[in-house]
Amino acid sequence: MKFYTFDETTYPGIPDYVGPETRLTNKFCDPALAAQTYQEHLDEWLLCEDLGFDGALVNEHHFTYFNINPSSTVLAAALIARTRRMKVGVIGHVLPLRHPVQTAEECAQLDILSGGRFIGGIVRGVPQEYVSFNVDPFTSRERFAESYEILQKGLTEELFDYKGKFYDLKAVSVWPRPLQNPLPIWMPAGSAETIEFAAARRIAIARVWNPTAVFQDAFEYYKEVAKERFGWVAGPEHCIGSRYIHVAETTEQAIAECREAMMYVRRLTTFSRPVQVPAAVPGLQTDRSFDYRKRSRGAEMPPPGTPFEKLRETGFIVCGDPDYVTEWLAHDMQTAGYGHFMGMFRVGNNTHENVMKAKKLFAEHVMPRLRHINATSPTEEMQEPAARHSAAS
């Protein structure tokens, strides 16, 4: 098992009286608190290099308190400059809402800056981002596929032209070239279409928050599609599990330290409801997406107001003493079959001190007891260049 730290850069200062019906505009943002939040996250990620984690990954979102990192590139570069050993990744760039050539250039540059330690990541984005960027969400999957094709050409080809539905490019030659060939790419995958997209291109997929059975279903479907449709064998090294996590000396203490921090996030999370409109945005999800979710109950995000006990029971957050966390994750890892774990230690508005302590306890008492699970060799983790599999797409 490989271990990573990964956090949404959540703004911690939304007042208690604010609920999910409130338009969370930037009037609620204190720049000084935002600056403090960035620095605390960087310190928490940097600690992981000393603790023996394999890497740290950052994420981006737009127009939301839930993650005040609108550029994965900026935060990844700051982390790369402060580290020497562990991998640094993004999971990821909102590919359909940015220029794919720029994404290729930034991924290559980050790989060079890191000395070949970079993990690229791509996502489609969430509804509110499409509303505010005024991009038709019904074009999301097409834009994503076309942008990924351009991204891979930029990372692997000397010179190329491209003419598609959304881009018409001439004489593109990305400088610098990345050190890694191929550059590893990870992506979250929650729908049948996205899982199939990733399997066709041998992209490692991630699942976050859902119960163990949902993780297992997604990873098994990915492995099934890879083998039966595209003729290759996917293993644990292609599967990534991610969960909110908090560790303390006792389970009672762990719950006390993170209960309110967890409920801070659940009180406010409104990804499907943009600031501008009061209803969910159609287009990002298809009938096939909903049909796939029906077959594995628990794939949807728990609604605001879900009790903490229910969130802990389903693994939305793994919270307890080192023995509890070790046993829970061991079952999760073995049952779901993933080979990379991303721990989201900065839960909501939890304190910096609690997070630092939790990471130290995890590294000392949990990681060593889980390392052997779904272990893979470096050779097995090599991702073949997407260009070799163009026929699969």
Protein backbone atom coordinates (compact mmCIF):
# COMPACT_ATOMS: atom_id res chain seq x y z
CA MET A 1 0.00 0.00 0.00
CA LYS A 2 1.18 3.51 -0.87
CA PHE A 3 0.11 6.39 1.37
CA TYR A 4 -0.60 9.99 0.42
CA THR A 5 -1.96 13.07 2.07
CA PHE A 6 -4.72 14.86 0.19
CA ASP A 7 -7.00 17.65 1.33
CA GLU A 8 -9.61 19.99 0.04
CA THR A 9 -8.32 23.43 1.02
CA THR A 10 -11.47 24.25 2.95
CA TYR A 11 -12.02 27.79 4.21
CA PRO A 12 -12.68 27.45 7.96
CA GLY A 13 -14.46 30.70 8.80
CA ILE A 14 -18.07 30.47 7.61
CA PRO A 15 -20.31 31.70 10.49
CA ASP A 16 -22.48 29.22 12.38
CA TYR A 17 -25.72 30.87 11.25
CA VAL A 18 -25.02 30.16 7.57
CA GLY A 19 -26.68 27.08 6.06
CA PRO A 20 -26.81 25.34 2.66
CA GLU A 21 -29.53 27.69 1.40
CA THR A 22 -27.21 30.72 1.68
CA ARG A 23 -25.42 32.12 -1.35
CA LEU A 24 -21.81 31.59 -0.30
CA THR A 25 -20.23 34.53 -2.10
CA ASN A 26 -16.76 35.86 -1.28
CA LYS A 27 -18.22 38.36 1.20
CA PHE A 28 -17.63 35.56 3.71
CA CYS A 29 -13.89 35.37 2.88
CA ASP A 30 -11.37 37.04 5.15
CA PRO A 31 -8.12 37.18 3.10
CA ALA A 32 -5.99 37.01 6.24
CA LEU A 33 -7.70 33.78 7.30
CA ALA A 34 -7.30 32.43 3.78
CA ALA A 35 -3.56 33.16 3.96
CA GLN A 36 -3.32 31.37 7.30
CA THR A 37 -5.24 28.41 5.88
CA TYR A 38 -2.87 28.06 2.93
CA GLN A 39 0.18 28.13 5.21
CA GLU A 40 -1.27 25.57 7.61
CA HIS A 41 -2.09 23.20 4.74
CA LEU A 42 1.43 23.54 3.35
CA ASP A 43 2.93 22.80 6.77
CA GLU A 44 0.65 19.76 7.16
CA TRP A 45 1.63 18.40 3.75
CA LEU A 46 5.32 19.07 4.33
CA LEU A 47 5.25 17.15 7.60
CA CYS A 48 4.29 14.07 5.61
CA GLU A 49 7.64 13.97 3.85
CA ASP A 50 9.39 13.61 7.22
CA LEU A 51 6.81 11.04 8.32
CA GLY A 52 7.44 8.73 5.36
CA PHE A 53 4.32 9.28 3.28
CA ASP A 54 4.72 8.48 -0.41
CA GLY A 55 3.23 11.73 -1.64
CA ALA A 56 0.90 14.70 -1.30
CA LEU A 57 -1.85 15.72 -3.70
CA VAL A 58 -3.79 18.95 -4.09
CA ASN A 59 -7.17 19.60 -5.62
CA GLU A 60 -8.89 22.57 -7.19
CA HIS A 61 -12.40 23.97 -7.26
CA HIS A 62 -13.89 27.30 -8.16
CA PHE A 63 -16.37 29.69 -6.52
CA THR A 64 -16.66 27.77 -3.25
CA TYR A 65 -15.54 27.88 0.37
CA PHE A 66 -15.12 24.08 0.24
CA ASN A 67 -11.83 24.42 -1.60
CA ILE A 68 -10.22 27.84 -1.93
CA ASN A 69 -7.55 26.53 -4.30
CA PRO A 70 -8.59 27.65 -7.82
CA SER A 71 -5.26 26.54 -9.31
CA SER A 72 -3.75 23.13 -8.68
CA THR A 73 -0.65 24.30 -10.52
CA VAL A 74 0.11 27.13 -8.09
CA LEU A 75 -0.28 25.06 -4.94
CA ALA A 76 1.57 22.05 -6.41
CA ALA A 77 4.47 24.29 -7.40
CA ALA A 78 4.65 25.71 -3.87
CA LEU A 79 4.74 22.18 -2.47
CA ILE A 80 7.32 20.96 -4.98
CA ALA A 81 9.64 23.81 -4.01
CA ARG A 82 9.48 22.75 -0.36
CA THR A 83 9.95 18.98 -0.78
CA ARG A 84 12.73 16.72 -2.00
CA ARG A 85 11.55 13.11 -1.85
CA MET A 86 7.81 12.48 -1.89
CA LYS A 87 5.66 12.68 -4.97
CA VAL A 88 3.49 15.73 -5.53
CA GLY A 89 0.31 15.52 -7.54
CA VAL A 90 -2.89 17.23 -8.57
CA ILE A 91 -6.26 15.51 -8.61
CA GLY A 92 -6.87 17.45 -10.46
CA HIS A 93 -7.06 20.07 -13.16
CA VAL A 94 -10.65 20.78 -14.27
CA LEU A 95 -9.84 19.74 -17.81
CA PRO A 96 -12.96 20.80 -19.75
CA LEU A 97 -12.82 24.34 -18.33
CA ARG A 98 -9.20 25.18 -19.16
CA HIS A 99 -7.07 25.04 -22.31
CA PRO A 100 -5.60 21.53 -22.70
CA VAL A 101 -2.33 22.81 -24.19
CA GLN A 102 -1.79 24.97 -21.12
CA THR A 103 -2.54 21.94 -18.96
CA ALA A 104 0.07 19.88 -20.84
CA GLU A 105 2.64 22.65 -20.49
CA GLU A 106 2.02 23.02 -16.76
CA CYS A 107 2.14 19.27 -16.13
CA ALA A 108 5.44 19.01 -17.99
CA GLN A 109 6.83 22.00 -16.13
CA LEU A 110 5.77 20.63 -12.75
CA ASP A 111 7.39 17.30 -13.58
CA ILE A 112 10.64 19.08 -14.46
CA LEU A 113 10.53 21.23 -11.31
CA SER A 114 9.94 18.17 -9.15
CA GLY A 115 12.71 16.10 -10.70
CA GLY A 116 10.20 13.56 -12.01
CA ARG A 117 8.07 13.35 -8.85
CA PHE A 118 4.85 14.72 -10.33
CA ILE A 119 1.49 12.92 -10.64
CA GLY A 120 -0.93 14.56 -13.06
CA GLY A 121 -4.65 14.52 -12.41
CA ILE A 122 -7.79 15.40 -14.32
CA VAL A 123 -11.43 15.96 -13.36
CA ARG A 124 -14.58 17.09 -15.19
CA GLY A 125 -15.61 19.60 -12.55
CA VAL A 126 -18.83 20.21 -10.63
CA PRO A 127 -22.07 21.90 -11.72
CA GLN A 128 -21.49 25.35 -10.22
CA GLU A 129 -18.25 25.69 -12.17
CA TYR A 130 -20.03 25.18 -15.50
CA VAL A 131 -22.69 27.73 -14.57
CA SER A 132 -20.19 30.44 -13.62
CA PHE A 133 -17.89 29.78 -16.59
CA ASN A 134 -21.02 29.72 -18.79
CA VAL A 135 -20.06 26.41 -20.39
CA ASP A 136 -22.82 24.06 -21.52
CA PRO A 137 -22.70 21.09 -19.10
CA PHE A 138 -24.17 18.83 -21.81
CA THR A 139 -20.84 19.21 -23.66
CA SER A 140 -18.79 18.22 -20.59
CA ARG A 141 -17.91 14.66 -21.60
CA GLU A 142 -17.05 15.60 -25.18
CA ARG A 143 -14.87 18.48 -23.99
CA PHE A 144 -13.20 16.20 -21.46
CA ALA A 145 -12.38 13.52 -24.06
CA GLU A 146 -11.08 16.02 -26.61
CA SER A 147 -9.02 17.87 -24.02
CA TYR A 148 -7.49 14.64 -22.73
CA GLU A 149 -6.46 13.64 -26.26
CA ILE A 150 -4.75 17.00 -26.71
CA LEU A 151 -3.14 16.74 -23.26
CA GLN A 152 -1.60 13.38 -24.14
CA LYS A 153 -0.38 14.61 -27.51
CA GLY A 154 1.25 17.56 -25.79
CA LEU A 155 3.01 15.30 -23.29
CA THR A 156 4.18 12.65 -25.77
CA GLU A 157 4.49 14.09 -29.30
CA GLU A 158 7.16 16.33 -30.77
CA LEU A 159 4.85 18.40 -32.95
CA PHE A 160 1.16 18.07 -33.76
CA ASP A 161 -1.87 19.71 -35.33
CA TYR A 162 -5.34 19.03 -34.01
CA LYS A 163 -8.81 19.70 -35.34
CA GLY A 164 -11.80 18.71 -33.21
CA LYS A 165 -15.20 19.99 -32.19
CA PHE A 166 -13.85 22.47 -29.64
CA TYR A 167 -10.20 23.06 -30.62
CA ASP A 168 -8.37 23.78 -33.88
CA LEU A 169 -4.64 23.79 -33.15
CA LYS A 170 -1.59 24.27 -35.34
CA ALA A 171 2.06 23.30 -34.84
CA VAL A 172 1.94 22.59 -31.10
CA SER A 173 5.25 21.53 -29.53
CA VAL A 174 5.24 21.53 -25.74
CA TRP A 175 8.38 22.83 -24.01
CA PRO A 176 9.78 21.54 -21.74
CA ARG A 177 9.17 17.84 -22.20
CA PRO A 178 8.32 16.00 -18.95
CA LEU A 179 10.98 13.85 -17.30
CA GLN A 180 8.60 10.92 -16.83
CA ASN A 181 7.56 8.98 -19.90
CA PRO A 182 4.76 8.34 -19.49
CA LEU A 183 3.63 10.93 -16.98
CA PRO A 184 1.24 9.19 -14.54
CA ILE A 185 -2.33 10.47 -14.67
CA TRP A 186 -4.96 9.87 -11.98
CA MET A 187 -8.65 10.77 -12.04
CA PRO A 188 -11.75 10.38 -9.87
CA ALA A 189 -14.33 8.08 -11.49
CA GLY A 190 -17.87 7.75 -10.21
CA SER A 191 -19.99 7.00 -13.29
CA ALA A 192 -20.00 4.08 -15.70
CA GLU A 193 -18.89 6.34 -18.57
CA THR A 194 -15.96 7.78 -16.62
CA ILE A 195 -14.80 4.36 -15.43
CA GLU A 196 -14.92 3.08 -19.03
CA PHE A 197 -13.07 6.19 -20.25
CA ALA A 198 -10.29 5.56 -17.73
CA ALA A 199 -10.06 1.82 -18.43
CA ALA A 200 -9.73 2.46 -22.16
CA ARG A 201 -6.75 4.75 -21.54
CA ARG A 202 -5.20 2.95 -18.56
CA ILE A 203 -5.73 5.93 -16.27
CA ALA A 204 -5.67 5.11 -12.55
CA ILE A 205 -9.03 5.86 -10.93
CA ALA A 206 -9.90 7.22 -7.50
CA ARG A 207 -12.96 6.88 -5.31
CA VAL A 208 -13.66 9.07 -2.31
CA TRP A 209 -15.98 8.99 0.72
CA ASN A 210 -18.35 6.18 -0.32
CA PRO A 211 -18.91 2.94 1.63
CA THR A 212 -16.52 0.05 1.04
CA ALA A 213 -19.02 -1.80 -1.16
CA VAL A 214 -19.20 1.19 -3.54
CA PHE A 215 -15.41 1.37 -3.78
CA GLN A 216 -15.32 -2.36 -4.48
CA ASP A 217 -18.01 -2.14 -7.16
CA ALA A 218 -16.25 0.69 -8.99
CA PHE A 219 -12.81 -0.94 -8.92
CA GLU A 220 -14.15 -4.33 -9.97
CA TYR A 221 -16.08 -2.76 -12.85
CA TYR A 222 -12.92 -0.91 -13.92
CA LYS A 223 -10.90 -4.15 -13.86
CA GLU A 224 -13.65 -5.99 -15.74
CA VAL A 225 -13.85 -3.35 -18.47
CA ALA A 226 -10.06 -3.18 -18.79
CA LYS A 227 -9.78 -6.93 -19.33
CA GLU A 228 -12.91 -7.73 -21.34
CA ARG A 229 -13.06 -4.67 -23.60
CA PHE A 230 -9.49 -3.48 -23.85
CA GLY A 231 -7.34 -6.56 -23.26
CA TRP A 232 -5.21 -5.54 -20.30
CA VAL A 233 -5.13 -6.50 -16.62
CA ALA A 234 -5.69 -3.74 -14.07
CA GLY A 235 -4.46 -4.27 -10.53
CA PRO A 236 -4.44 -2.49 -7.15
CA GLU A 237 -1.83 -0.07 -8.52
CA HIS A 238 -4.52 1.40 -10.79
CA CYS A 239 -7.00 1.98 -7.93
CA ILE A 240 -6.97 4.78 -5.36
CA GLY A 241 -9.12 5.02 -2.23
CA SER A 242 -9.57 8.30 -0.37
CA ARG A 243 -11.32 9.11 2.90
CA TYR A 244 -11.61 11.76 5.54
CA ILE A 245 -9.57 10.47 8.45
CA HIS A 246 -8.77 11.50 12.00
CA VAL A 247 -6.64 9.66 14.58
CA ALA A 248 -6.23 10.39 18.28
CA GLU A 249 -4.96 8.52 21.31
CA THR A 250 -8.45 7.24 22.07
CA THR A 251 -11.55 6.80 19.93
CA GLU A 252 -13.54 9.07 22.25
CA GLN A 253 -10.94 11.80 21.84
CA ALA A 254 -10.84 11.39 18.06
CA ILE A 255 -14.62 11.77 17.81
CA ALA A 256 -14.60 14.79 20.12
CA GLU A 257 -11.86 16.47 18.07
CA CYS A 258 -13.46 16.07 14.66
CA ARG A 259 -17.23 15.83 15.13
CA GLU A 260 -17.92 19.56 14.74
CA ALA A 261 -15.28 19.91 12.03
CA MET A 262 -16.98 17.18 10.02
CA MET A 263 -20.42 18.69 10.50
CA TYR A 264 -19.06 22.09 9.39
CA VAL A 265 -18.53 20.59 5.93
CA ARG A 266 -21.80 18.67 5.86
CA ARG A 267 -23.77 21.76 6.95
CA LEU A 268 -22.54 23.73 3.97
CA THR A 269 -21.69 21.40 1.10
CA THR A 270 -23.78 22.42 -1.91
CA PHE A 271 -21.81 21.21 -4.92
CA SER A 272 -24.92 20.55 -7.01
CA ARG A 273 -26.42 23.96 -6.24
CA PRO A 274 -24.49 26.89 -7.75
CA VAL A 275 -24.48 30.33 -6.18
CA GLN A 276 -26.44 31.68 -9.14
CA VAL A 277 -29.40 29.27 -9.23
CA PRO A 278 -31.39 27.41 -6.56
CA ALA A 279 -31.73 24.10 -8.42
CA ALA A 280 -29.43 21.31 -9.51
CA VAL A 281 -27.82 21.73 -12.93
CA PRO A 282 -28.68 19.14 -15.60
CA GLY A 283 -26.24 17.84 -18.16
CA LEU A 284 -23.21 16.60 -16.23
CA GLN A 285 -24.84 13.27 -15.39
CA THR A 286 -26.52 10.98 -17.90
CA ASP A 287 -29.18 8.31 -17.49
CA ARG A 288 -26.37 5.73 -17.57
CA SER A 289 -24.68 7.55 -14.69
CA PHE A 290 -27.81 7.35 -12.55
CA ASP A 291 -28.44 3.73 -13.52
CA TYR A 292 -24.89 2.83 -12.49
CA ARG A 293 -25.29 4.53 -9.12
CA LYS A 294 -28.53 2.66 -8.46
CA ARG A 295 -26.71 -0.67 -8.55
CA SER A 296 -24.43 0.31 -5.66
CA ARG A 297 -26.41 2.06 -2.95
CA GLY A 298 -24.44 4.72 -1.13
CA ALA A 299 -22.71 6.19 -4.18
CA GLU A 300 -24.35 9.58 -3.69
CA MET A 301 -22.95 12.20 -1.34
CA PRO A 302 -24.74 12.15 2.02
CA PRO A 303 -27.07 15.17 2.25
CA PRO A 304 -26.45 18.11 4.59
CA GLY A 305 -27.54 17.23 8.09
CA THR A 306 -26.55 13.55 7.93
CA PRO A 307 -25.66 12.60 11.53
CA PHE A 308 -22.00 12.20 12.38
CA GLU A 309 -22.58 8.66 13.59
CA LYS A 310 -23.94 7.68 10.17
CA LEU A 311 -21.00 9.31 8.40
CA ARG A 312 -18.59 7.36 10.61
CA GLU A 313 -20.50 4.10 10.19
CA THR A 314 -20.31 4.27 6.38
CA GLY A 315 -16.67 5.34 6.24
CA PHE A 316 -17.33 8.86 5.01
CA ILE A 317 -14.92 9.61 7.83
CA VAL A 318 -12.66 7.03 9.49
CA CYS A 319 -12.23 8.32 13.00
CA GLY A 320 -10.80 6.61 16.06
CA ASP A 321 -7.71 5.40 17.90
CA PRO A 322 -4.85 3.80 15.92
CA ASP A 323 -6.19 0.26 16.38
CA TYR A 324 -9.67 1.20 15.19
CA VAL A 325 -8.35 3.09 12.16
CA THR A 326 -5.94 0.28 11.25
CA GLU A 327 -8.61 -2.40 11.42
CA TRP A 328 -11.18 -0.33 9.51
CA LEU A 329 -8.76 0.56 6.71
CA ALA A 330 -7.35 -2.97 6.47
CA HIS A 331 -10.84 -4.31 5.75
CA ASP A 332 -11.54 -1.46 3.33
CA MET A 333 -8.29 -1.94 1.41
CA GLN A 334 -8.55 -5.72 1.20
CA THR A 335 -12.22 -5.75 0.25
CA ALA A 336 -12.15 -2.91 -2.28
CA GLY A 337 -8.75 -3.89 -3.71
CA TYR A 338 -6.99 -0.55 -4.03
CA GLY A 339 -3.23 -0.04 -3.81
CA HIS A 340 -3.03 3.71 -3.08
CA PHE A 341 -4.61 5.43 -0.08
CA MET A 342 -5.15 9.18 0.11
CA GLY A 343 -5.92 10.31 3.63
CA MET A 344 -7.85 13.57 3.93
CA PHE A 345 -6.62 14.61 7.36
CA ARG A 346 -7.73 18.25 7.29
CA VAL A 347 -11.40 17.62 8.00
CA GLY A 348 -13.49 20.76 7.47
CA ASN A 349 -12.44 23.43 9.98
CA ASN A 350 -10.46 21.16 12.30
CA THR A 351 -7.48 22.77 13.97
CA HIS A 352 -3.95 22.72 12.62
CA GLU A 353 -2.72 21.19 15.87
CA ASN A 354 -5.19 18.31 15.68
CA VAL A 355 -4.23 17.57 12.08
CA MET A 356 -0.49 17.54 12.77
CA LYS A 357 -0.97 15.22 15.73
CA ALA A 358 -3.26 12.90 13.75
CA LYS A 359 -0.73 12.57 10.95
CA LYS A 360 2.05 11.69 13.37
CA LEU A 361 -0.09 9.01 15.02
CA PHE A 362 -1.12 7.63 11.64
CA ALA A 363 2.46 7.45 10.40
CA GLU A 364 3.77 5.83 13.57
CA HIS A 365 0.98 3.41 14.44
CA VAL A 366 -1.16 2.81 11.33
CA MET A 367 0.92 2.99 8.15
CA PRO A 368 3.46 0.31 9.11
CA ARG A 369 0.68 -2.19 9.80
CA LEU A 370 -0.97 -1.62 6.43
CA ARG A 371 2.04 -1.38 4.10
CA HIS A 372 1.85 -5.05 3.10
CA ILE A 373 -1.73 -4.85 1.81
CA ASN A 374 -2.05 -4.92 -2.00
CA ALA A 375 1.64 -4.16 -2.36
CA THR A 376 2.95 -3.78 -5.92
CA SER A 377 6.39 -3.55 -7.44
CA PRO A 378 7.66 -0.40 -9.21
CA THR A 379 7.51 -2.29 -12.52
CA GLU A 380 3.82 -3.06 -12.06
CA GLU A 381 3.10 0.59 -11.39
CA MET A 382 4.46 1.76 -14.73
CA GLN A 383 1.63 3.22 -16.76
CA GLU A 384 1.99 2.57 -20.47
CA PRO A 385 1.85 5.63 -22.74
CA ALA A 386 -1.66 6.47 -23.83
CA ALA A 387 -0.41 6.70 -27.39
CA ARG A 388 0.12 2.94 -27.42
CA HIS A 389 -3.55 2.45 -26.65
CA SER A 390 -5.11 4.93 -29.05
CA ALA A 391 -7.07 2.07 -30.58
CA ALA A 392 -8.84 1.56 -27.26
CA SER A 393 -10.41 5.00 -27.39
